[in-house]
Amino acid sequence: MALARHFLSIDQPQRTLETLANGSGLDLEDWEFWYLRGQALYQLNRYDEALGTARNGLSKEPEAIPLLYLLCNLHAQQGDLAAAEAHLLNALRLNPEDPVLLCRYALLLGQGNQLDKASQLVSEAARNAPNHPMVARARATLAYFKGDDHALLDHSREILANDPEDVFGHYMLGATLNGMGDVRGAERQFTAAARLDPEDQIIIHTARQARYQLHPLLWPLIPAYRIGTIRLWVGAIIIVIVLNTLGFSQAASTFSFVYLAYCVYSWIVPPLLRWWLHRRAQ
């Protein structure tokens, strides 16, 4: 059991399962056995097996908070927010001041678009444990739900200030910078996250996409990423109107042609480049 705990703590869920499977004399009535197995299955994305395992453990000890927390995560993963909330509320009844449980409930409410109540829960968690890393993570996630890029930027940097190797912090900071048009900054953060967690295929794919955006053929599009296509379009219209109003009709025509060519470039080059890079990779 101690060895299984160790492997789980260093993110080696497969070795956790192998250790539990090869162990002799294990007490199958001990809820922790089922928790370790269920958590390892969850980390391996074997959600149905993890759900059955966690339920089995809960039948041994209905008040095991780690199992209730695991069941919350499993049901949330499957989109059953009501079942996730029920298990989490049971855990909170047992330990109502736990910052991890409060923040997890806040994130659950955030998924359900109950953002005000979620913010109150995070504030309560911060009062109980102001320096707990889960508090900063919850604040960053809620800022993401709200679409508040500036708050998300601050919270992501706070996470990394406390732990420079936090994968979540790098990923969220990358997503924020990407949304703000800082393609180069986003690529650095996504690459850092991929280096720290090379097993996460979503992060690996995101880092590759970020590197693709930095291809020299896409450099002319960086201003569009930074400004935004709608703002760029509105700005182009204003420039054409102003030039015509001032009597510079030739300049307005030239600018319109250049802008149209830029638009065509943005429509054609990215998909062609993606196709060419994919073909070359094969």
Protein backbone atom coordinates (compact mmCIF):
# COMPACT_ATOMS: atom_id res chain seq x y z
CA MET A 1 0.00 0.00 0.00
CA ALA A 2 2.84 2.39 0.83
CA LEU A 3 4.49 1.66 -2.51
CA ALA A 4 1.19 2.18 -4.35
CA ARG A 5 0.77 5.53 -2.57
CA HIS A 6 4.28 6.50 -3.66
CA PHE A 7 3.70 5.68 -7.32
CA LEU A 8 0.42 7.60 -7.30
CA SER A 9 2.09 10.63 -5.70
CA ILE A 10 4.70 10.78 -8.50
CA ASP A 11 2.07 10.43 -11.26
CA GLN A 12 2.72 6.83 -12.21
CA PRO A 13 -0.83 5.41 -12.17
CA GLN A 14 0.01 2.30 -14.21
CA ARG A 15 2.66 1.24 -11.69
CA THR A 16 0.15 1.96 -8.93
CA LEU A 17 -2.25 -0.55 -10.47
CA GLU A 18 0.51 -3.11 -10.99
CA THR A 19 1.64 -2.77 -7.37
CA LEU A 20 -1.90 -3.27 -6.07
CA ALA A 21 -2.45 -6.22 -8.41
CA ASN A 22 0.79 -7.95 -7.33
CA GLY A 23 0.44 -7.25 -3.62
CA SER A 24 -0.29 -10.17 -1.32
CA GLY A 25 -2.30 -9.98 1.86
CA LEU A 26 -4.00 -6.71 0.96
CA ASP A 27 -7.11 -5.89 2.97
CA LEU A 28 -9.87 -5.56 0.37
CA GLU A 29 -12.14 -4.16 3.07
CA ASP A 30 -9.82 -1.17 3.41
CA TRP A 31 -11.35 1.77 1.53
CA GLU A 32 -7.89 3.17 0.74
CA PHE A 33 -7.13 0.18 -1.48
CA TRP A 34 -10.15 1.07 -3.61
CA TYR A 35 -9.28 4.75 -3.57
CA LEU A 36 -5.73 4.16 -4.82
CA ARG A 37 -6.98 1.86 -7.54
CA GLY A 38 -9.83 4.21 -8.52
CA GLN A 39 -7.60 7.30 -8.62
CA ALA A 40 -5.05 5.47 -10.77
CA LEU A 41 -7.77 4.39 -13.20
CA TYR A 42 -9.07 7.97 -13.29
CA GLN A 43 -5.63 9.32 -14.17
CA LEU A 44 -5.42 6.73 -16.96
CA ASN A 45 -8.77 7.98 -18.35
CA ARG A 46 -10.45 4.63 -17.63
CA TYR A 47 -13.47 6.40 -16.20
CA ASP A 48 -16.06 3.60 -16.16
CA GLU A 49 -13.70 1.25 -14.32
CA ALA A 50 -12.74 4.03 -11.91
CA LEU A 51 -16.39 4.75 -11.17
CA GLY A 52 -17.13 1.12 -10.27
CA THR A 53 -13.98 0.93 -8.15
CA ALA A 54 -14.77 4.13 -6.24
CA ARG A 55 -18.33 3.00 -5.56
CA ASN A 56 -17.01 -0.30 -4.23
CA GLY A 57 -14.71 1.57 -1.86
CA LEU A 58 -17.51 3.85 -0.70
CA SER A 59 -19.57 0.81 0.22
CA LYS A 60 -16.76 -0.10 2.65
CA GLU A 61 -16.53 3.41 4.14
CA PRO A 62 -19.34 5.86 3.22
CA GLU A 63 -17.52 8.78 4.91
CA ALA A 64 -14.18 8.46 3.11
CA ILE A 65 -13.62 12.02 1.82
CA PRO A 66 -11.00 11.05 -0.82
CA LEU A 67 -13.49 8.61 -2.37
CA LEU A 68 -16.27 11.21 -2.32
CA TYR A 69 -13.90 13.69 -3.99
CA LEU A 70 -12.91 11.11 -6.62
CA LEU A 71 -16.56 10.32 -7.36
CA CYS A 72 -17.24 14.04 -7.75
CA ASN A 73 -14.46 14.29 -10.34
CA LEU A 74 -15.64 11.19 -12.19
CA HIS A 75 -19.25 12.33 -12.45
CA ALA A 76 -18.15 15.84 -13.49
CA GLN A 77 -15.95 14.29 -16.18
CA GLN A 78 -18.98 12.44 -17.52
CA GLY A 79 -21.14 15.58 -17.43
CA ASP A 80 -23.35 14.50 -14.53
CA LEU A 81 -22.99 17.67 -12.45
CA ALA A 82 -25.89 16.80 -10.13
CA ALA A 83 -24.26 13.54 -9.02
CA ALA A 84 -20.89 15.29 -8.70
CA GLU A 85 -22.45 17.96 -6.48
CA ALA A 86 -24.16 15.37 -4.28
CA HIS A 87 -20.87 13.58 -3.51
CA LEU A 88 -19.05 16.85 -2.92
CA LEU A 89 -21.73 18.11 -0.53
CA ASN A 90 -21.40 14.88 1.43
CA ALA A 91 -17.66 15.53 1.72
CA LEU A 92 -18.26 19.14 2.79
CA ARG A 93 -20.67 18.04 5.50
CA LEU A 94 -17.78 16.02 6.95
CA ASN A 95 -15.22 18.84 6.58
CA PRO A 96 -16.93 22.17 5.79
CA GLU A 97 -13.77 24.32 6.02
CA ASP A 98 -11.51 22.28 3.74
CA PRO A 99 -10.14 24.71 1.08
CA VAL A 100 -9.75 21.97 -1.53
CA LEU A 101 -13.39 20.89 -1.18
CA LEU A 102 -14.61 24.51 -1.20
CA CYS A 103 -12.61 25.33 -4.33
CA ARG A 104 -13.73 22.15 -6.06
CA TYR A 105 -17.34 23.05 -5.32
CA ALA A 106 -16.70 26.54 -6.69
CA LEU A 107 -15.39 25.06 -9.95
CA LEU A 108 -18.40 22.78 -10.14
CA LEU A 109 -20.72 25.76 -9.75
CA GLY A 110 -18.68 27.63 -12.33
CA GLN A 111 -19.33 24.83 -14.81
CA GLY A 112 -23.01 25.33 -14.09
CA ASN A 113 -22.66 29.11 -14.69
CA GLN A 114 -23.32 29.98 -11.03
CA LEU A 115 -20.35 32.33 -11.00
CA ASP A 116 -21.36 34.61 -8.12
CA LYS A 117 -21.86 31.74 -5.70
CA ALA A 118 -18.64 30.16 -6.95
CA SER A 119 -16.69 33.35 -6.22
CA GLN A 120 -18.09 33.44 -2.67
CA LEU A 121 -16.88 29.88 -2.06
CA VAL A 122 -13.38 30.72 -3.30
CA SER A 123 -13.33 33.75 -0.98
CA GLU A 124 -14.30 31.50 1.93
CA ALA A 125 -11.55 29.04 1.00
CA ALA A 126 -9.07 31.95 0.86
CA ARG A 127 -10.07 33.02 4.37
CA ASN A 128 -9.39 29.50 5.65
CA ALA A 129 -6.15 28.98 3.72
CA PRO A 130 -5.02 32.13 1.86
CA ASN A 131 -1.82 30.57 0.48
CA HIS A 132 -3.28 27.25 -0.63
CA PRO A 133 -2.42 26.62 -4.32
CA MET A 134 -5.97 25.43 -5.01
CA VAL A 135 -7.27 28.94 -4.24
CA ALA A 136 -5.19 30.56 -7.01
CA ARG A 137 -6.18 27.79 -9.42
CA ALA A 138 -9.86 28.24 -8.65
CA ARG A 139 -9.60 32.01 -9.12
CA ALA A 140 -7.86 31.51 -12.47
CA THR A 141 -10.48 29.03 -13.65
CA LEU A 142 -13.38 31.28 -12.64
CA ALA A 143 -11.70 34.20 -14.44
CA TYR A 144 -11.57 31.95 -17.52
CA PHE A 145 -15.30 31.14 -17.15
CA LYS A 146 -16.04 34.87 -16.88
CA GLY A 147 -13.87 35.75 -19.87
CA ASP A 148 -11.81 38.15 -17.74
CA ASP A 149 -8.42 37.98 -19.49
CA HIS A 150 -6.71 40.50 -17.21
CA ALA A 151 -7.71 38.66 -14.02
CA LEU A 152 -6.75 35.34 -15.60
CA LEU A 153 -3.35 36.79 -16.50
CA ASP A 154 -2.77 37.93 -12.90
CA HIS A 155 -3.90 34.63 -11.35
CA SER A 156 -1.86 32.52 -13.78
CA ARG A 157 1.26 34.53 -12.98
CA GLU A 158 0.50 34.18 -9.26
CA ILE A 159 0.37 30.40 -9.65
CA LEU A 160 3.74 30.37 -11.44
CA ALA A 161 5.27 32.74 -8.89
CA ASN A 162 4.47 30.17 -6.19
CA ASP A 163 5.48 27.18 -8.33
CA PRO A 164 7.40 27.83 -11.58
CA GLU A 165 6.80 24.21 -12.67
CA ASP A 166 3.03 24.23 -12.29
CA VAL A 167 1.62 22.76 -15.52
CA PHE A 168 -1.81 24.29 -15.00
CA GLY A 169 -0.29 27.74 -14.51
CA HIS A 170 1.75 27.53 -17.71
CA TYR A 171 -1.20 26.24 -19.70
CA MET A 172 -3.64 28.89 -18.46
CA LEU A 173 -1.10 31.67 -18.99
CA GLY A 174 -0.52 30.37 -22.52
CA ALA A 175 -4.26 30.31 -23.22
CA THR A 176 -4.60 33.87 -21.89
CA LEU A 177 -1.70 35.22 -23.96
CA ASN A 178 -3.01 33.43 -27.04
CA GLY A 179 -6.43 35.02 -26.56
CA MET A 180 -4.77 38.42 -26.23
CA GLY A 181 -2.86 37.90 -29.49
CA ASP A 182 0.59 37.31 -27.97
CA VAL A 183 1.36 34.25 -30.10
CA ARG A 184 5.04 34.05 -29.15
CA GLY A 185 4.35 34.33 -25.43
CA ALA A 186 1.62 31.69 -25.69
CA GLU A 187 3.97 29.29 -27.51
CA ARG A 188 6.57 29.61 -24.75
CA GLN A 189 4.02 28.78 -22.05
CA PHE A 190 2.44 25.87 -23.92
CA THR A 191 5.89 24.44 -24.67
CA ALA A 192 6.84 24.73 -21.00
CA ALA A 193 3.63 22.91 -20.00
CA ALA A 194 4.31 20.15 -22.57
CA ARG A 195 7.87 19.73 -21.31
CA LEU A 196 6.62 19.35 -17.72
CA ASP A 197 3.81 16.93 -18.64
CA PRO A 198 4.81 15.04 -21.82
CA GLU A 199 2.05 12.45 -21.28
CA ASP A 200 -0.86 14.90 -21.68
CA GLN A 201 -1.88 14.68 -25.33
CA ILE A 202 -4.10 17.78 -25.16
CA ILE A 203 -1.17 19.91 -23.97
CA ILE A 204 1.16 18.36 -26.56
CA HIS A 205 -1.34 19.12 -29.35
CA THR A 206 -1.81 22.69 -28.11
CA ALA A 207 1.95 23.28 -28.04
CA ARG A 208 2.26 21.99 -31.61
CA GLN A 209 -0.54 24.30 -32.75
CA ALA A 210 1.19 27.24 -31.08
CA ARG A 211 4.47 26.43 -32.85
CA TYR A 212 2.57 26.17 -36.13
CA GLN A 213 1.27 29.73 -35.65
CA LEU A 214 4.87 30.95 -35.50
CA HIS A 215 5.79 29.63 -38.95
CA PRO A 216 7.42 32.43 -41.06
CA LEU A 217 4.58 32.26 -43.61
CA LEU A 218 2.15 33.20 -40.84
CA TRP A 219 4.16 36.15 -39.49
CA PRO A 220 2.09 38.63 -41.57
CA LEU A 221 -1.00 37.44 -39.65
CA ILE A 222 0.40 38.20 -36.17
CA PRO A 223 -1.07 41.76 -36.23
CA ALA A 224 -4.49 40.21 -36.89
CA TYR A 225 -4.03 37.90 -33.90
CA ARG A 226 -3.10 40.84 -31.69
CA ILE A 227 -5.74 43.29 -32.88
CA GLY A 228 -8.52 40.81 -33.63
CA THR A 229 -10.20 40.24 -36.98
CA ILE A 230 -13.31 42.30 -36.16
CA ARG A 231 -11.30 45.31 -34.96
CA LEU A 232 -9.04 45.01 -37.99
CA TRP A 233 -12.04 44.96 -40.31
CA VAL A 234 -13.67 47.96 -38.59
CA GLY A 235 -10.38 49.85 -38.65
CA ALA A 236 -9.95 49.17 -42.38
CA ILE A 237 -13.44 50.51 -43.12
CA ILE A 238 -12.77 53.66 -41.08
CA ILE A 239 -9.49 54.26 -42.92
CA VAL A 240 -11.19 53.90 -46.32
CA ILE A 241 -13.99 56.28 -45.31
CA VAL A 242 -11.55 58.88 -43.96
CA LEU A 243 -9.35 58.71 -47.07
CA ASN A 244 -12.36 59.15 -49.37
CA THR A 245 -13.69 62.01 -47.23
CA LEU A 246 -10.37 63.80 -47.46
CA GLY A 247 -10.35 63.38 -51.23
CA PHE A 248 -7.65 60.70 -51.42
CA SER A 249 -9.74 58.30 -53.48
CA GLN A 250 -6.72 56.70 -55.16
CA ALA A 251 -5.11 56.00 -51.80
CA ALA A 252 -8.42 54.59 -50.55
CA SER A 253 -8.59 52.24 -53.57
CA THR A 254 -5.00 51.12 -53.07
CA PHE A 255 -5.57 50.50 -49.36
CA SER A 256 -8.77 48.54 -50.12
CA PHE A 257 -6.88 46.33 -52.58
CA VAL A 258 -4.06 45.69 -50.08
CA TYR A 259 -6.53 44.88 -47.32
CA LEU A 260 -8.47 42.50 -49.60
CA ALA A 261 -5.21 40.76 -50.57
CA TYR A 262 -4.36 40.45 -46.86
CA CYS A 263 -7.75 38.84 -46.21
CA VAL A 264 -7.30 36.38 -49.07
CA TYR A 265 -3.83 35.54 -47.72
CA SER A 266 -5.31 34.85 -44.28
CA TRP A 267 -7.97 32.56 -45.80
CA ILE A 268 -5.71 30.56 -48.10
CA VAL A 269 -2.22 30.32 -46.58
CA PRO A 270 -2.99 28.82 -43.11
CA PRO A 271 -4.95 25.77 -44.37
CA LEU A 272 -2.46 25.17 -47.21
CA LEU A 273 0.45 25.40 -44.78
CA ARG A 274 -1.26 23.03 -42.35
CA TRP A 275 -1.84 20.53 -45.18
CA TRP A 276 1.76 20.80 -46.38
CA LEU A 277 3.25 20.35 -42.87
CA HIS A 278 0.98 17.38 -42.20
CA ARG A 279 1.98 15.77 -45.49
CA ARG A 280 5.67 16.34 -44.81
CA ALA A 281 5.31 14.82 -41.33
CA GLN A 282 3.93 11.64 -42.89
